[in-house]
Amino acid sequence: MIVLVGVLIAVFVVPDQWTVPVVIAAIGIEVTETLVTMRWSRRAPPKVGVETLIGAAGVVVQECRPIGRVRVRGEIWRARSTVPLDLGVRARVVGRERLTLLVEPEPETGR
């Protein structure tokens, strides 16, 4: 897109002696932008799957005694807790077993 804009500017806006330098500059900007974007997009592997939920906070939507359900990041997951958790209690994901999240009550913060 940058090259197209550069060509249009070179043809319709700048004087004739500047046509080639403007096109070359547009190509250089396009190549630089492409290389920087490629490098930036490869700096870290994508994070997907259940493992990304470890450490996330959620809310108990079905009592965990020891099995229940929690809402984490907008999704309801089956959960297991070693401590009984009542409805509406905030819980933190500490691990997983297959598609069951292991949760514990979130510590109270003194605000």
Protein backbone atom coordinates (compact mmCIF):
# COMPACT_ATOMS: atom_id res chain seq x y z
CA MET A 1 0.00 0.00 0.00
CA ILE A 2 2.86 2.37 0.80
CA VAL A 3 4.40 1.70 -2.64
CA LEU A 4 1.07 2.44 -4.34
CA VAL A 5 0.74 5.74 -2.49
CA GLY A 6 4.37 6.56 -3.33
CA VAL A 7 3.79 5.89 -7.04
CA LEU A 8 0.65 8.04 -7.04
CA ILE A 9 2.51 10.88 -5.33
CA ALA A 10 5.43 10.49 -7.75
CA VAL A 11 3.17 10.62 -10.79
CA PHE A 12 0.69 13.32 -9.78
CA VAL A 13 2.33 15.54 -7.13
CA VAL A 14 6.10 15.88 -7.28
CA PRO A 15 8.16 17.39 -10.11
CA ASP A 16 9.55 14.99 -12.73
CA GLN A 17 13.11 14.91 -11.33
CA TRP A 18 11.72 13.62 -7.98
CA THR A 19 9.65 10.74 -9.43
CA VAL A 20 12.30 8.01 -9.15
CA PRO A 21 13.58 9.03 -5.67
CA VAL A 22 10.01 9.13 -4.30
CA VAL A 23 9.24 5.64 -5.65
CA ILE A 24 12.56 4.29 -4.27
CA ALA A 25 11.82 5.86 -0.87
CA ALA A 26 8.32 4.33 -0.85
CA ILE A 27 9.77 0.89 -1.65
CA GLY A 28 12.34 1.31 1.14
CA ILE A 29 9.66 2.29 3.66
CA GLU A 30 7.49 -0.67 2.60
CA VAL A 31 10.35 -3.17 2.94
CA THR A 32 11.40 -1.73 6.32
CA GLU A 33 7.83 -1.82 7.62
CA THR A 34 7.41 -5.44 6.48
CA LEU A 35 10.66 -6.58 8.10
CA VAL A 36 9.92 -4.78 11.39
CA THR A 37 6.40 -6.24 11.51
CA MET A 38 7.67 -9.77 10.81
CA ARG A 39 10.31 -9.50 13.54
CA TRP A 40 7.84 -8.03 16.05
CA SER A 41 5.25 -10.77 15.40
CA ARG A 42 7.78 -13.55 16.02
CA ARG A 43 9.17 -12.29 19.32
CA ALA A 44 7.07 -14.66 21.48
CA PRO A 45 5.20 -17.88 20.76
CA PRO A 46 1.41 -17.64 20.78
CA LYS A 47 -0.24 -18.45 24.09
CA VAL A 48 -3.30 -20.62 23.70
CA GLY A 49 -5.02 -23.43 25.55
CA VAL A 50 -5.95 -24.18 29.11
CA GLU A 51 -2.41 -23.42 30.35
CA THR A 52 -3.03 -19.70 29.81
CA LEU A 53 -5.72 -19.82 32.52
CA ILE A 54 -3.29 -20.73 35.31
CA GLY A 55 -3.08 -17.72 37.61
CA ALA A 56 -6.34 -16.23 36.31
CA ALA A 57 -9.11 -15.17 38.69
CA GLY A 58 -12.66 -16.39 38.40
CA VAL A 59 -15.99 -16.60 40.22
CA VAL A 60 -17.65 -19.77 41.48
CA VAL A 61 -20.97 -20.31 39.66
CA GLN A 62 -21.67 -23.77 41.12
CA GLU A 63 -20.42 -24.68 44.60
CA CYS A 64 -17.11 -26.57 44.60
CA ARG A 65 -17.40 -29.35 47.18
CA PRO A 66 -14.91 -30.55 45.84
CA ILE A 67 -16.20 -30.46 42.20
CA GLY A 68 -18.10 -27.47 40.86
CA ARG A 69 -17.96 -24.83 38.15
CA VAL A 70 -16.18 -21.48 37.86
CA ARG A 71 -16.40 -18.65 35.36
CA VAL A 72 -12.93 -17.64 34.18
CA ARG A 73 -12.45 -15.05 31.42
CA GLY A 74 -16.09 -15.32 30.40
CA GLU A 75 -16.16 -19.11 30.12
CA ILE A 76 -17.58 -21.63 32.58
CA TRP A 77 -15.17 -24.44 33.46
CA ARG A 78 -15.44 -27.56 35.59
CA ALA A 79 -13.37 -26.99 38.70
CA ARG A 80 -11.99 -28.89 41.67
CA SER A 81 -11.00 -27.36 45.00
CA THR A 82 -9.50 -28.84 48.14
CA VAL A 83 -11.33 -26.17 50.14
CA PRO A 84 -15.14 -25.94 49.83
CA LEU A 85 -16.07 -22.84 47.81
CA ASP A 86 -19.52 -21.27 47.97
CA LEU A 87 -21.42 -19.65 45.14
CA GLY A 88 -20.04 -16.21 44.19
CA VAL A 89 -16.64 -16.65 45.87
CA ARG A 90 -13.64 -15.40 43.89
CA ALA A 91 -11.20 -18.19 43.09
CA ARG A 92 -7.77 -18.37 41.47
CA VAL A 93 -6.73 -21.11 39.03
CA VAL A 94 -3.62 -22.92 40.32
CA GLY A 95 -3.46 -25.84 37.89
CA ARG A 96 -5.42 -28.23 35.74
CA GLU A 97 -6.16 -31.90 35.27
CA ARG A 98 -7.25 -32.47 31.69
CA LEU A 99 -10.13 -29.99 31.28
CA THR A 100 -10.83 -29.59 35.00
CA LEU A 101 -9.33 -26.49 36.58
CA LEU A 102 -7.77 -26.74 40.04
CA VAL A 103 -8.80 -23.68 42.02
CA GLU A 104 -8.31 -22.20 45.46
CA PRO A 105 -9.98 -19.25 47.15
CA GLU A 106 -8.45 -15.94 46.14
CA PRO A 107 -6.75 -14.24 49.10
CA GLU A 108 -8.57 -11.20 50.43
CA THR A 109 -6.84 -7.93 49.63
CA GLY A 110 -6.85 -5.22 52.26
CA ARG A 111 -8.25 -2.20 50.42
